[in-house]
């Protein structure tokens, strides 16, 4: 009997995993994630330029004016 229970549990887990894979790998989810990745990369590069400009224009911490 315990073997049958384990087999049934494994079969149930397998069905749940396949169902979740269909949801995760859905085309609309994939497209949405690709768009989010693109937006994140664009924002990073845009903000990187602003941060570099700010770093080079701000005075160094701990330095005193002469």
N, C-alpha and C. Protein backbone atom coordinates (compact mmCIF):
# COMPACT_ATOMS: atom_id res chain seq x y z
N UNK A 1 0.79 -1.21 0.00
CA UNK A 1 0.00 0.00 0.00
C UNK A 1 0.83 1.28 0.00
N UNK A 2 1.89 1.37 0.81
CA UNK A 2 2.65 2.63 0.81
C UNK A 2 3.24 2.94 -0.57
N UNK A 3 3.63 1.91 -1.32
CA UNK A 3 4.18 2.16 -2.65
C UNK A 3 3.15 2.80 -3.56
N UNK A 4 1.91 2.36 -3.46
CA UNK A 4 0.85 2.93 -4.29
C UNK A 4 0.58 4.38 -3.90
N UNK A 5 0.63 4.68 -2.61
CA UNK A 5 0.42 6.06 -2.16
C UNK A 5 1.53 6.97 -2.68
N UNK A 6 2.75 6.50 -2.60
CA UNK A 6 3.89 7.29 -3.10
C UNK A 6 3.76 7.51 -4.59
N UNK A 7 3.38 6.45 -5.32
CA UNK A 7 3.21 6.57 -6.77
C UNK A 7 2.12 7.58 -7.10
N UNK A 8 1.00 7.54 -6.37
CA UNK A 8 -0.09 8.49 -6.60
C UNK A 8 0.36 9.92 -6.29
N UNK A 9 1.13 10.10 -5.23
CA UNK A 9 1.62 11.43 -4.89
C UNK A 9 2.56 11.96 -5.96
N UNK A 10 3.45 11.10 -6.44
CA UNK A 10 4.38 11.51 -7.50
C UNK A 10 3.64 11.86 -8.78
N UNK A 11 2.62 11.09 -9.11
CA UNK A 11 1.83 11.38 -10.30
C UNK A 11 1.11 12.71 -10.15
N UNK A 12 0.60 12.99 -8.96
CA UNK A 12 -0.08 14.26 -8.70
C UNK A 12 0.89 15.43 -8.80
N UNK A 13 2.08 15.26 -8.24
CA UNK A 13 3.11 16.31 -8.33
C UNK A 13 3.50 16.55 -9.78
N UNK A 14 3.63 15.48 -10.54
CA UNK A 14 3.99 15.60 -11.95
C UNK A 14 2.95 16.39 -12.73
N UNK A 15 1.67 16.09 -12.50
CA UNK A 15 0.60 16.83 -13.18
C UNK A 15 0.64 18.31 -12.81
N UNK A 16 0.88 18.59 -11.53
CA UNK A 16 0.93 19.99 -11.07
C UNK A 16 2.11 20.72 -11.71
N UNK A 17 3.26 20.04 -11.83
CA UNK A 17 4.42 20.67 -12.45
C UNK A 17 4.18 20.97 -13.92
N UNK A 18 3.59 20.04 -14.64
CA UNK A 18 3.30 20.27 -16.05
C UNK A 18 2.31 21.42 -16.23
N UNK A 19 1.31 21.49 -15.36
CA UNK A 19 0.35 22.59 -15.45
C UNK A 19 1.02 23.93 -15.17
N UNK A 20 1.91 23.96 -14.19
CA UNK A 20 2.60 25.22 -13.89
C UNK A 20 3.58 25.60 -15.00
N UNK A 21 4.20 24.62 -15.65
CA UNK A 21 5.09 24.92 -16.77
C UNK A 21 4.33 25.55 -17.92
N UNK A 22 3.10 25.10 -18.16
CA UNK A 22 2.29 25.69 -19.22
C UNK A 22 1.99 27.15 -18.91
N UNK A 23 1.74 27.45 -17.64
CA UNK A 23 1.45 28.83 -17.25
C UNK A 23 2.71 29.68 -17.37
N UNK A 24 3.83 29.18 -16.88
CA UNK A 24 5.08 29.94 -16.89
C UNK A 24 5.56 30.18 -18.31
N UNK A 25 5.48 29.18 -19.15
CA UNK A 25 6.01 29.28 -20.51
C UNK A 25 4.98 29.77 -21.51
N UNK A 26 3.89 30.31 -21.04
CA UNK A 26 2.87 30.86 -21.92
C UNK A 26 3.48 31.97 -22.76
N UNK A 27 3.07 32.06 -24.02
CA UNK A 27 3.66 33.03 -24.94
C UNK A 27 3.47 34.46 -24.46
N UNK A 28 2.31 34.79 -23.93
CA UNK A 28 2.07 36.16 -23.49
C UNK A 28 2.96 36.51 -22.30
N UNK A 29 3.16 35.55 -21.38
CA UNK A 29 4.07 35.79 -20.25
C UNK A 29 5.50 35.99 -20.75
N UNK A 30 5.91 35.19 -21.72
CA UNK A 30 7.26 35.30 -22.25
C UNK A 30 7.46 36.66 -22.91
N UNK A 31 6.47 37.11 -23.70
CA UNK A 31 6.57 38.42 -24.35
C UNK A 31 6.62 39.54 -23.32
N UNK A 32 5.79 39.43 -22.28
CA UNK A 32 5.77 40.45 -21.24
C UNK A 32 7.11 40.50 -20.52
N UNK A 33 7.67 39.34 -20.21
CA UNK A 33 8.97 39.30 -19.55
C UNK A 33 10.08 39.86 -20.43
N UNK A 34 10.02 39.56 -21.73
CA UNK A 34 11.02 40.11 -22.65
C UNK A 34 10.93 41.63 -22.70
N UNK A 35 9.70 42.16 -22.72
CA UNK A 35 9.53 43.61 -22.73
C UNK A 35 10.04 44.23 -21.43
N UNK A 36 9.78 43.58 -20.30
CA UNK A 36 10.27 44.10 -19.03
C UNK A 36 11.80 44.09 -18.99
N UNK A 37 12.42 43.03 -19.50
CA UNK A 37 13.88 42.98 -19.54
C UNK A 37 14.44 44.12 -20.38
N UNK A 38 13.81 44.39 -21.51
CA UNK A 38 14.25 45.47 -22.38
C UNK A 38 14.12 46.82 -21.68
N UNK A 39 12.99 47.05 -21.01
CA UNK A 39 12.80 48.31 -20.28
C UNK A 39 13.82 48.47 -19.17
N UNK A 40 14.11 47.40 -18.46
CA UNK A 40 15.09 47.45 -17.37
C UNK A 40 16.47 47.82 -17.93
N UNK A 41 16.86 47.20 -19.03
CA UNK A 41 18.16 47.49 -19.63
C UNK A 41 18.22 48.94 -20.11
N UNK A 42 17.17 49.42 -20.77
CA UNK A 42 17.15 50.80 -21.25
C UNK A 42 17.23 51.79 -20.10
N UNK A 43 16.49 51.53 -19.04
CA UNK A 43 16.51 52.42 -17.87
C UNK A 43 17.89 52.42 -17.23
N UNK A 44 18.51 51.26 -17.14
CA UNK A 44 19.84 51.17 -16.54
C UNK A 44 20.83 52.01 -17.34
N UNK A 45 20.85 51.86 -18.65
CA UNK A 45 21.81 52.60 -19.47
C UNK A 45 21.54 54.10 -19.42
N UNK A 46 20.27 54.49 -19.42
CA UNK A 46 19.92 55.91 -19.35
C UNK A 46 20.37 56.49 -18.01
N UNK A 47 20.08 55.81 -16.92
CA UNK A 47 20.43 56.30 -15.59
C UNK A 47 21.94 56.23 -15.35
N UNK A 48 22.60 55.29 -16.00
CA UNK A 48 24.05 55.17 -15.83
C UNK A 48 24.75 56.43 -16.31
N UNK A 49 24.32 56.99 -17.42
CA UNK A 49 24.92 58.22 -17.93
C UNK A 49 24.72 59.37 -16.97
N UNK A 50 23.51 59.48 -16.40
CA UNK A 50 23.23 60.55 -15.45
C UNK A 50 24.07 60.38 -14.19
N UNK A 51 24.23 59.15 -13.72
CA UNK A 51 25.02 58.94 -12.50
C UNK A 51 26.48 59.27 -12.73
N UNK A 52 27.02 58.90 -13.90
CA UNK A 52 28.42 59.21 -14.18
C UNK A 52 28.63 60.71 -14.23
N UNK A 53 27.71 61.43 -14.87
CA UNK A 53 27.83 62.89 -14.93
C UNK A 53 27.80 63.47 -13.53
N UNK A 54 26.91 62.97 -12.70
CA UNK A 54 26.77 63.49 -11.34
C UNK A 54 28.03 63.19 -10.53
N UNK A 55 28.60 62.01 -10.70
CA UNK A 55 29.79 61.63 -9.95
C UNK A 55 30.96 62.54 -10.32
N UNK A 56 31.10 62.85 -11.60
CA UNK A 56 32.23 63.67 -12.03
C UNK A 56 32.04 65.15 -11.74
N UNK A 57 30.81 65.61 -11.56
CA UNK A 57 30.59 67.03 -11.29
C UNK A 57 30.54 67.33 -9.80
N UNK A 58 30.24 66.36 -8.97
CA UNK A 58 30.18 66.61 -7.53
C UNK A 58 31.59 66.62 -6.95
N UNK A 59 31.80 67.48 -5.94
CA UNK A 59 33.12 67.46 -5.29
C UNK A 59 33.30 66.17 -4.50
N UNK A 60 34.55 65.78 -4.34
CA UNK A 60 34.83 64.55 -3.59
C UNK A 60 34.50 64.77 -2.13
N UNK A 61 34.01 63.75 -1.49
CA UNK A 61 33.72 63.83 -0.06
C UNK A 61 35.03 63.85 0.70
N UNK A 62 35.09 64.69 1.71
CA UNK A 62 36.28 64.75 2.53
C UNK A 62 37.33 65.71 2.01
N UNK A 63 37.12 66.25 0.82
CA UNK A 63 38.10 67.23 0.32
C UNK A 63 37.62 68.62 0.69
N UNK A 64 38.55 69.46 1.06
CA UNK A 64 38.22 70.82 1.48
C UNK A 64 38.57 71.80 0.37
N UNK A 65 37.76 72.83 0.20
CA UNK A 65 38.11 73.82 -0.83
C UNK A 65 39.38 74.56 -0.43
N UNK A 66 40.18 74.91 -1.40
CA UNK A 66 41.45 75.59 -1.12
C UNK A 66 41.32 77.07 -1.19
